[in-house]
């Protein structure tokens, strides 16, 4: 696996459901600990590595993130075509004002996952006036 472009450690209340959901959207399960009844898991896709902690965590309260995690696949439309019948999509595939084609999902913990790619002609940003 290539070195991650982004890595995050997040809290989950249901690690098995979280692992299953991420695998449904194309993430590879890299590892768990312990092997039986794990409380930690690491999953990866397209440069994003996400670790989930269940059970006792350093963070009080329910899972929370005021933002989203971005994934950079080869094709956002390809991701949508692969998962549209498996998981609920919050929105997308949409062409955003900032020159990105995006698809956003909400995982079982309430975290937003956005698959994004530049739209044609926007690879280097919008043209200057």
Foldseek 3Di string as FASTA:
>chain_A
DDAAPEEEEWEDADVVQQVVQVVLLPWDWPDFPPPPPGQWTWTDDQRYIYMYGHDDDPDDDAIDDPDAAEHEDPDQVVSCVSRVVPFDWPDDQDQDPFQKGWTWHATPRRHIYIYIDGHPPQNVTHDDD
